[in-house]
C-alpha atoms as a PDB file:
ATOM      1  CA  MET A   1       2.997   6.629 -16.334  1.00  0.00           C
ATOM      2  CA  GLU A   2       6.358   5.192 -17.283  1.00  0.00           C
ATOM      3  CA  ARG A   3       5.925   2.316 -14.813  1.00  0.00           C
ATOM      4  CA  ILE A   4       2.683   1.335 -16.533  1.00  0.00           C
ATOM      5  CA  PHE A   5       4.472   1.174 -19.890  1.00  0.00           C
ATOM      6  CA  VAL A   6       7.296  -0.898 -18.378  1.00  0.00           C
ATOM      7  CA  ALA A   7       4.857  -3.326 -16.719  1.00  0.00           C
ATOM      8  CA  LEU A   8       2.884  -3.783 -19.932  1.00  0.00           C
ATOM      9  CA  THR A   9       6.093  -4.337 -21.880  1.00  0.00           C
ATOM     10  CA  ALA A  10       7.025  -7.137 -19.492  1.00  0.00           C
ATOM     11  CA  ILE A  11       3.874  -9.171 -20.254  1.00  0.00           C
ATOM     12  CA  PRO A  12       4.940 -10.578 -23.662  1.00  0.00           C
ATOM     13  CA  ILE A  13       8.476 -11.157 -22.408  1.00  0.00           C
ATOM     14  CA  LEU A  14       7.256 -13.043 -19.339  1.00  0.00           C
ATOM     15  CA  THR A  15       4.795 -15.044 -21.439  1.00  0.00           C
ATOM     16  CA  LEU A  16       7.573 -16.251 -23.737  1.00  0.00           C
ATOM     17  CA  LEU A  17       9.867 -16.875 -20.792  1.00  0.00           C
ATOM     18  CA  ALA A  18       7.223 -19.034 -19.090  1.00  0.00           C
ATOM     19  CA  LEU A  19       6.463 -20.987 -22.257  1.00  0.00           C
ATOM     20  CA  TYR A  20      10.007 -21.697 -23.342  1.00  0.00           C
ATOM     21  CA  SER A  21      11.302 -22.396 -19.844  1.00  0.00           C
ATOM     22  CA  TYR A  22       8.496 -24.948 -19.504  1.00  0.00           C
ATOM     23  CA  ILE A  23       9.460 -26.516 -22.820  1.00  0.00           C
ATOM     24  CA  LEU A  24      13.109 -26.623 -21.755  1.00  0.00           C
ATOM     25  CA  ARG A  25      12.078 -28.196 -18.455  1.00  0.00           C
ATOM     26  CA  ALA A  26      10.040 -30.815 -20.320  1.00  0.00           C
ATOM     27  CA  ARG A  27      13.079 -31.496 -22.509  1.00  0.00           C
ATOM     28  CA  LEU A  28      15.257 -32.057 -19.460  1.00  0.00           C
ATOM     29  CA  LEU A  29      12.683 -34.321 -17.793  1.00  0.00           C
ATOM     30  CA  LEU A  30      11.866 -36.366 -20.889  1.00  0.00           C
ATOM     31  CA  GLY A  31      15.241 -36.506 -22.597  1.00  0.00           C
ATOM     32  CA  TYR A  32      13.718 -35.353 -25.893  1.00  0.00           C
ATOM     33  CA  TRP A  33      11.835 -32.332 -27.190  1.00  0.00           C
ATOM     34  CA  PRO A  34       8.090 -32.614 -26.708  1.00  0.00           C
ATOM     35  CA  VAL A  35       6.049 -32.942 -29.859  1.00  0.00           C
ATOM     36  CA  PRO A  36       2.291 -32.650 -30.303  1.00  0.00           C
ATOM     37  CA  GLU A  37       0.504 -35.452 -28.438  1.00  0.00           C
ATOM     38  CA  HIS A  38       3.762 -37.039 -27.225  1.00  0.00           C
ATOM     39  CA  PRO A  39       3.994 -36.909 -24.238  1.00  0.00           C
ATOM     40  CA  PRO A  40       0.589 -35.684 -23.155  1.00  0.00           C
ATOM     41  CA  TYR A  41       0.673 -32.197 -21.697  1.00  0.00           C
ATOM     42  CA  PRO A  42       1.389 -31.301 -18.828  1.00  0.00           C
ATOM     43  CA  VAL A  43       4.790 -32.590 -17.796  1.00  0.00           C
ATOM     44  CA  GLY A  44       6.061 -31.807 -14.322  1.00  0.00           C
ATOM     45  CA  SER A  45       4.982 -28.912 -12.141  1.00  0.00           C
ATOM     46  CA  ARG A  46       1.640 -27.148 -12.284  1.00  0.00           C
ATOM     47  CA  LEU A  47       3.377 -23.811 -11.586  1.00  0.00           C
ATOM     48  CA  HIS A  48       4.684 -23.591 -15.139  1.00  0.00           C
ATOM     49  CA  GLU A  49       1.310 -24.668 -16.511  1.00  0.00           C
ATOM     50  CA  TYR A  50      -0.465 -21.875 -14.628  1.00  0.00           C
ATOM     51  CA  ALA A  51       2.151 -19.317 -15.683  1.00  0.00           C
ATOM     52  CA  ILE A  52       1.604 -20.231 -19.342  1.00  0.00           C
ATOM     53  CA  ILE A  53      -2.175 -20.016 -18.990  1.00  0.00           C
ATOM     54  CA  PHE A  54      -1.941 -16.637 -17.234  1.00  0.00           C
ATOM     55  CA  GLY A  55       0.521 -15.334 -19.814  1.00  0.00           C
ATOM     56  CA  ALA A  56      -1.661 -16.451 -22.699  1.00  0.00           C
ATOM     57  CA  GLY A  57      -4.664 -14.807 -21.097  1.00  0.00           C
ATOM     58  CA  ALA A  58      -2.777 -11.549 -20.586  1.00  0.00           C
ATOM     59  CA  PHE A  59      -0.979 -11.431 -23.935  1.00  0.00           C
ATOM     60  CA  MET A  60      -3.762 -10.058 -26.160  1.00  0.00           C
ATOM     61  CA  PRO A  61      -5.410  -7.795 -23.558  1.00  0.00           C
ATOM     62  CA  ALA A  62      -1.988  -6.243 -22.924  1.00  0.00           C
ATOM     63  CA  VAL A  63      -1.943  -4.738 -26.392  1.00  0.00           C
ATOM     64  CA  LEU A  64      -5.463  -3.355 -25.925  1.00  0.00           C
ATOM     65  CA  LEU A  65      -4.561  -1.877 -22.555  1.00  0.00           C
ATOM     66  CA  TYR A  66      -1.398  -0.478 -24.090  1.00  0.00           C
ATOM     67  CA  ALA A  67      -3.495   1.202 -26.774  1.00  0.00           C
ATOM     68  CA  VAL A  68      -5.636   2.831 -24.088  1.00  0.00           C
ATOM     69  CA  VAL A  69      -2.576   3.982 -22.161  1.00  0.00           C
ATOM     70  CA  LEU A  70      -1.018   5.244 -25.393  1.00  0.00           C
ATOM     71  CA  LEU A  71      -4.162   7.210 -26.184  1.00  0.00           C
ATOM     72  CA  LEU A  72      -4.075   8.749 -22.705  1.00  0.00           C
ATOM     73  CA  TRP A  73      -0.406   9.565 -23.175  1.00  0.00           C
ATOM     74  CA  LEU A  74      -1.124  11.276 -26.482  1.00  0.00           C
ATOM     75  CA  LEU A  75      -3.919  13.296 -24.897  1.00  0.00           C
ATOM     76  CA  LEU A  76      -1.865  14.294 -21.846  1.00  0.00           C
ATOM     77  CA  ARG A  77       1.599  14.640 -23.356  1.00  0.00           C
ATOM     78  CA  ASP A  78       1.532  18.430 -23.204  1.00  0.00           C
ATOM     79  CA  ARG A  79       1.152  18.279 -19.439  1.00  0.00           C
ATOM     80  CA  LYS A  80       4.549  17.905 -17.845  1.00  0.00           C
ATOM     81  CA  THR A  81       3.333  16.634 -14.485  1.00  0.00           C
ATOM     82  CA  LEU A  82       2.421  13.104 -15.605  1.00  0.00           C
ATOM     83  CA  LEU A  83       4.785  12.232 -18.394  1.00  0.00           C
ATOM     84  CA  SER A  84       8.448  11.533 -18.729  1.00  0.00           C
ATOM     85  CA  PRO A  85      10.366  12.026 -21.999  1.00  0.00           C
ATOM     86  CA  SER A  86      11.373   8.334 -22.015  1.00  0.00           C
ATOM     87  CA  VAL A  87       7.757   7.187 -22.399  1.00  0.00           C
ATOM     88  CA  ALA A  88       8.077   7.334 -26.181  1.00  0.00           C
ATOM     89  CA  THR A  89      11.046   4.970 -25.940  1.00  0.00           C
ATOM     90  CA  TRP A  90       8.948   2.484 -23.953  1.00  0.00           C
ATOM     91  CA  ILE A  91       6.179   2.701 -26.542  1.00  0.00           C
ATOM     92  CA  VAL A  92       8.606   1.717 -29.297  1.00  0.00           C
ATOM     93  CA  ILE A  93      10.131  -1.045 -27.143  1.00  0.00           C
ATOM     94  CA  PHE A  94       6.678  -2.461 -26.381  1.00  0.00           C
ATOM     95  CA  PHE A  95       5.622  -2.652 -30.011  1.00  0.00           C
ATOM     96  CA  VAL A  96       8.918  -4.224 -31.090  1.00  0.00           C
ATOM     97  CA  VAL A  97       8.701  -6.795 -28.269  1.00  0.00           C
ATOM     98  CA  TRP A  98       4.996  -7.476 -28.811  1.00  0.00           C
ATOM     99  CA  ILE A  99       5.275  -7.885 -32.586  1.00  0.00           C
ATOM    100  CA  GLY A 100       8.354 -10.098 -32.189  1.00  0.00           C
ATOM    101  CA  SER A 101       6.578 -12.215 -29.574  1.00  0.00           C
ATOM    102  CA  PHE A 102       3.432 -12.438 -31.661  1.00  0.00           C
ATOM    103  CA  LEU A 103       5.376 -13.583 -34.720  1.00  0.00           C
ATOM    104  CA  LEU A 104       7.321 -16.138 -32.695  1.00  0.00           C
ATOM    105  CA  LEU A 105       4.104 -17.540 -31.243  1.00  0.00           C
ATOM    106  CA  ARG A 106       2.327 -17.351 -34.596  1.00  0.00           C
ATOM    107  CA  TYR A 107       4.934 -19.286 -36.558  1.00  0.00           C
ATOM    108  CA  ASP A 108       5.835 -21.506 -33.575  1.00  0.00           C
ATOM    109  CA  PRO A 109       9.080 -23.225 -34.544  1.00  0.00           C
ATOM    110  CA  GLY A 110       8.948 -26.708 -33.054  1.00  0.00           C
ATOM    111  CA  ASN A 111       5.122 -26.855 -32.795  1.00  0.00           C
ATOM    112  CA  PHE A 112       5.371 -26.287 -29.039  1.00  0.00           C
ATOM    113  CA  LEU A 113       2.143 -24.318 -28.816  1.00  0.00           C
ATOM    114  CA  PHE A 114       0.302 -27.140 -30.514  1.00  0.00           C
ATOM    115  CA  TRP A 115       1.767 -29.486 -27.893  1.00  0.00           C
ATOM    116  CA  VAL A 116       0.721 -27.214 -25.027  1.00  0.00           C
ATOM    117  CA  TRP A 117      -2.809 -26.498 -26.250  1.00  0.00           C
ATOM    118  CA  ASN A 118      -3.568 -29.950 -27.580  1.00  0.00           C
END
């Protein structure tokens, strides 16, 4: 059960890592920070582009899947065979990471998401 929580916690982190490493790569290739509509997206490798698309597609479902796993954890927490005491720690870590990632993507300093999705 703990591995599921760890894997789901990694999704928002990997999404941000893919996005901002792509933006940094574009900065190094172009010599300036990309801005909406200049240069046209994509720049460089398709690997980063696919990683961003996959991460964006997994970002919101991750929180729904986490809610399901959390519900199962709450229902089964009295059974000692499936659950570790550190699961609660991973639940807190996930919500802190997810809310931080969501706010960063929501307020988007630099308008990078607008550049990517435009």
